[in-house]
Structures are given as C-alpha cells and as structure tokens.
Amino acid sequence: MLKELLITIATALVEDKSAVSVTVDEPNAEGVTVYHLHVGADDMGRVIGKQGRIAKSIRTVMRAGAVRANEKIMVEID
C-alpha cells in the first residue's frame, strides 16, 4: 500500500514516468522499513524541490500513511 502511494506521488511530479521505481528494504533492528525512490536524473530537482520542501512533504505524507498501517518507515530519494 505505501509503495503504491509513493509511486503515485512521484509519477505526478516527474516528466519521465517510466523512470520512477521504488525498492523496499527489509525492516532493520529498530523495525524501520526504508523505501528508496528512484527517478530520472532530469527529474531529481522536481522531486526534491526548492530547499528540499517537496521531498520533506513526500516524507511527511508517507509517514502519516505508515502510522495508519502501524509501521515505521523512512524515505530516501536516490
């Protein structure tokens, strides 16, 4: 569910929608699951935003979704 949410958010922001992918790591010792968002090099600025505001917003929305699913997550943009 959270993976699909992250893909939906990212594809709405980028031009090259085929380059969007998400990989999910297994939960670490603290129970935190890391989601790695991969976008094309040309779209990296669109996903990060000025002073990282869009990236921060993406992380906030994902964290809110994780709370509803009773998970601990972290989003990394690669």
N, C-alpha and C. Protein backbone atom coordinates (compact mmCIF):
# COMPACT_ATOMS: atom_id res chain seq x y z
N MET A 1 0.81 -1.19 0.00
CA MET A 1 0.00 0.00 0.00
C MET A 1 0.86 1.26 0.00
N LEU A 2 1.86 1.33 0.87
CA LEU A 2 2.71 2.51 0.95
C LEU A 2 3.59 2.66 -0.28
N LYS A 3 4.02 1.52 -0.84
CA LYS A 3 4.83 1.57 -2.05
C LYS A 3 4.04 2.18 -3.19
N GLU A 4 2.77 1.79 -3.33
CA GLU A 4 1.92 2.34 -4.38
C GLU A 4 1.68 3.83 -4.18
N LEU A 5 1.53 4.24 -2.92
CA LEU A 5 1.33 5.65 -2.60
C LEU A 5 2.54 6.47 -3.03
N LEU A 6 3.74 5.98 -2.73
CA LEU A 6 4.97 6.68 -3.10
C LEU A 6 5.12 6.76 -4.61
N ILE A 7 4.80 5.69 -5.32
CA ILE A 7 4.88 5.69 -6.79
C ILE A 7 3.88 6.69 -7.37
N THR A 8 2.68 6.73 -6.82
CA THR A 8 1.65 7.66 -7.30
C THR A 8 2.08 9.11 -7.12
N ILE A 9 2.62 9.43 -5.96
CA ILE A 9 3.08 10.80 -5.70
C ILE A 9 4.21 11.17 -6.66
N ALA A 10 5.18 10.28 -6.82
CA ALA A 10 6.35 10.58 -7.65
C ALA A 10 5.98 10.72 -9.12
N THR A 11 5.11 9.85 -9.62
CA THR A 11 4.76 9.93 -11.04
C THR A 11 3.99 11.21 -11.35
N ALA A 12 3.29 11.76 -10.37
CA ALA A 12 2.58 13.02 -10.58
C ALA A 12 3.55 14.19 -10.69
N LEU A 13 4.74 14.06 -10.15
CA LEU A 13 5.71 15.16 -10.13
C LEU A 13 6.66 15.16 -11.32
N VAL A 14 6.98 14.00 -11.87
CA VAL A 14 8.05 13.90 -12.87
C VAL A 14 7.51 13.91 -14.29
N GLU A 15 8.43 14.17 -15.23
CA GLU A 15 8.07 14.10 -16.65
C GLU A 15 8.27 12.69 -17.20
N ASP A 16 9.40 12.05 -16.84
CA ASP A 16 9.70 10.70 -17.32
C ASP A 16 9.13 9.68 -16.32
N LYS A 17 7.86 9.33 -16.52
CA LYS A 17 7.17 8.46 -15.58
C LYS A 17 7.71 7.03 -15.60
N SER A 18 8.33 6.62 -16.70
CA SER A 18 8.85 5.25 -16.80
C SER A 18 10.10 5.06 -15.95
N ALA A 19 10.75 6.14 -15.55
CA ALA A 19 11.98 6.04 -14.76
C ALA A 19 11.70 5.95 -13.26
N VAL A 20 10.45 6.08 -12.85
CA VAL A 20 10.11 6.04 -11.43
C VAL A 20 10.05 4.59 -10.97
N SER A 21 10.80 4.30 -9.90
CA SER A 21 10.73 2.97 -9.30
C SER A 21 10.97 3.10 -7.80
N VAL A 22 10.47 2.13 -7.07
CA VAL A 22 10.63 2.13 -5.61
C VAL A 22 11.11 0.75 -5.20
N THR A 23 12.17 0.72 -4.39
CA THR A 23 12.62 -0.54 -3.79
C THR A 23 12.42 -0.43 -2.29
N VAL A 24 12.10 -1.55 -1.68
CA VAL A 24 11.80 -1.58 -0.25
C VAL A 24 12.77 -2.52 0.44
N ASP A 25 13.46 -2.01 1.47
CA ASP A 25 14.36 -2.85 2.26
C ASP A 25 13.56 -3.56 3.34
N GLU A 26 14.13 -4.63 3.86
CA GLU A 26 13.52 -5.32 4.99
C GLU A 26 13.66 -4.43 6.23
N PRO A 27 12.75 -4.55 7.19
CA PRO A 27 12.87 -3.74 8.41
C PRO A 27 14.18 -4.02 9.13
N ASN A 28 14.81 -2.95 9.63
CA ASN A 28 16.09 -3.10 10.33
C ASN A 28 15.84 -3.46 11.80
N ALA A 29 16.87 -3.37 12.63
CA ALA A 29 16.77 -3.78 14.04
C ALA A 29 15.73 -2.98 14.81
N GLU A 30 15.57 -1.70 14.45
CA GLU A 30 14.58 -0.86 15.14
C GLU A 30 13.18 -1.03 14.54
N GLY A 31 13.04 -1.83 13.50
CA GLY A 31 11.74 -2.03 12.88
C GLY A 31 11.40 -0.99 11.82
N VAL A 32 12.42 -0.25 11.34
CA VAL A 32 12.20 0.80 10.33
C VAL A 32 12.40 0.22 8.94
N THR A 33 11.41 0.39 8.08
CA THR A 33 11.48 -0.06 6.70
C THR A 33 11.90 1.14 5.84
N VAL A 34 12.92 0.95 5.01
CA VAL A 34 13.42 2.03 4.16
C VAL A 34 12.88 1.86 2.75
N TYR A 35 12.24 2.92 2.24
CA TYR A 35 11.74 2.97 0.87
C TYR A 35 12.69 3.83 0.06
N HIS A 36 13.26 3.28 -1.03
CA HIS A 36 14.17 4.01 -1.89
C HIS A 36 13.41 4.42 -3.16
N LEU A 37 13.28 5.72 -3.36
CA LEU A 37 12.62 6.25 -4.54
C LEU A 37 13.67 6.58 -5.58
N HIS A 38 13.54 5.99 -6.78
CA HIS A 38 14.47 6.24 -7.88
C HIS A 38 13.72 6.98 -8.98
N VAL A 39 14.28 8.11 -9.41
CA VAL A 39 13.71 8.86 -10.53
C VAL A 39 14.84 9.18 -11.50
N GLY A 40 14.47 9.64 -12.70
CA GLY A 40 15.47 10.01 -13.68
C GLY A 40 16.28 11.21 -13.22
N ALA A 41 17.49 11.34 -13.74
CA ALA A 41 18.37 12.43 -13.32
C ALA A 41 17.77 13.80 -13.62
N ASP A 42 17.07 13.92 -14.73
CA ASP A 42 16.47 15.21 -15.09
C ASP A 42 15.32 15.59 -14.16
N ASP A 43 14.69 14.63 -13.55
CA ASP A 43 13.54 14.89 -12.68
C ASP A 43 13.90 14.98 -11.20
N MET A 44 15.16 14.81 -10.87
CA MET A 44 15.56 14.83 -9.46
C MET A 44 15.19 16.15 -8.78
N GLY A 45 15.40 17.25 -9.48
CA GLY A 45 15.07 18.57 -8.92
C GLY A 45 13.59 18.74 -8.66
N ARG A 46 12.77 18.15 -9.51
CA ARG A 46 11.32 18.25 -9.33
C ARG A 46 10.87 17.50 -8.08
N VAL A 47 11.50 16.39 -7.79
CA VAL A 47 11.11 15.59 -6.64
C VAL A 47 11.65 16.19 -5.33
N ILE A 48 12.83 16.79 -5.39
CA ILE A 48 13.42 17.37 -4.19
C ILE A 48 12.81 18.75 -3.91
N GLY A 49 12.67 19.58 -4.92
CA GLY A 49 12.06 20.89 -4.75
C GLY A 49 13.04 21.91 -4.19
N LYS A 50 12.59 23.15 -4.14
CA LYS A 50 13.43 24.22 -3.61
C LYS A 50 13.64 24.00 -2.12
N GLN A 51 14.91 24.00 -1.74
CA GLN A 51 15.33 23.79 -0.35
C GLN A 51 14.76 22.49 0.23
N GLY A 52 14.46 21.51 -0.62
CA GLY A 52 14.00 20.21 -0.17
C GLY A 52 12.57 20.17 0.33
N ARG A 53 11.78 21.18 -0.02
CA ARG A 53 10.41 21.26 0.51
C ARG A 53 9.52 20.12 0.00
N ILE A 54 9.63 19.79 -1.29
CA ILE A 54 8.77 18.72 -1.83
C ILE A 54 9.18 17.38 -1.24
N ALA A 55 10.49 17.14 -1.12
CA ALA A 55 10.96 15.89 -0.52
C ALA A 55 10.48 15.77 0.92
N LYS A 56 10.50 16.87 1.65
CA LYS A 56 10.03 16.86 3.04
C LYS A 56 8.54 16.55 3.08
N SER A 57 7.78 17.12 2.15
CA SER A 57 6.35 16.87 2.10
C SER A 57 6.04 15.41 1.76
N ILE A 58 6.81 14.85 0.82
CA ILE A 58 6.63 13.43 0.47
C ILE A 58 6.87 12.57 1.70
N ARG A 59 7.93 12.87 2.44
CA ARG A 59 8.25 12.09 3.64
C ARG A 59 7.14 12.22 4.69
N THR A 60 6.58 13.42 4.82
CA THR A 60 5.50 13.65 5.80
C THR A 60 4.26 12.83 5.44
N VAL A 61 3.87 12.86 4.17
CA VAL A 61 2.70 12.09 3.74
C VAL A 61 2.94 10.60 3.93
N MET A 62 4.12 10.13 3.59
CA MET A 62 4.43 8.72 3.73
C MET A 62 4.44 8.30 5.21
N ARG A 63 4.96 9.17 6.07
CA ARG A 63 4.98 8.86 7.49
C ARG A 63 3.56 8.77 8.05
N ALA A 64 2.68 9.67 7.58
CA ALA A 64 1.28 9.63 8.01
C ALA A 64 0.62 8.33 7.57
N GLY A 65 0.90 7.90 6.35
CA GLY A 65 0.36 6.62 5.88
C GLY A 65 0.91 5.45 6.66
N ALA A 66 2.17 5.54 7.06
CA ALA A 66 2.80 4.47 7.83
C ALA A 66 2.19 4.35 9.22
N VAL A 67 1.83 5.48 9.81
CA VAL A 67 1.20 5.45 11.13
C VAL A 67 -0.14 4.72 11.05
N ARG A 68 -0.88 4.98 9.98
CA ARG A 68 -2.18 4.28 9.81
C ARG A 68 -1.97 2.79 9.62
N ALA A 69 -0.86 2.40 8.98
CA ALA A 69 -0.57 0.98 8.75
C ALA A 69 0.24 0.38 9.90
N ASN A 70 0.47 1.18 10.95
CA ASN A 70 1.22 0.74 12.13
C ASN A 70 2.63 0.28 11.76
N GLU A 71 3.31 1.08 10.93
CA GLU A 71 4.69 0.79 10.51
C GLU A 71 5.57 1.98 10.81
N LYS A 72 6.88 1.73 10.82
CA LYS A 72 7.86 2.81 10.90
C LYS A 72 8.61 2.79 9.57
N ILE A 73 8.63 3.94 8.89
CA ILE A 73 9.29 3.98 7.59
C ILE A 73 10.22 5.16 7.48
N MET A 74 11.08 5.10 6.46
CA MET A 74 11.96 6.20 6.09
C MET A 74 12.01 6.21 4.56
N VAL A 75 11.97 7.39 3.97
CA VAL A 75 12.00 7.51 2.51
C VAL A 75 13.33 8.14 2.11
N GLU A 76 14.06 7.47 1.22
CA GLU A 76 15.29 8.01 0.67
C GLU A 76 15.10 8.20 -0.81
N ILE A 77 15.54 9.36 -1.32
CA ILE A 77 15.40 9.68 -2.74
C ILE A 77 16.78 9.49 -3.38
N ASP A 78 16.85 8.53 -4.29
CA ASP A 78 18.13 8.20 -4.97
C ASP A 78 18.09 8.68 -6.40
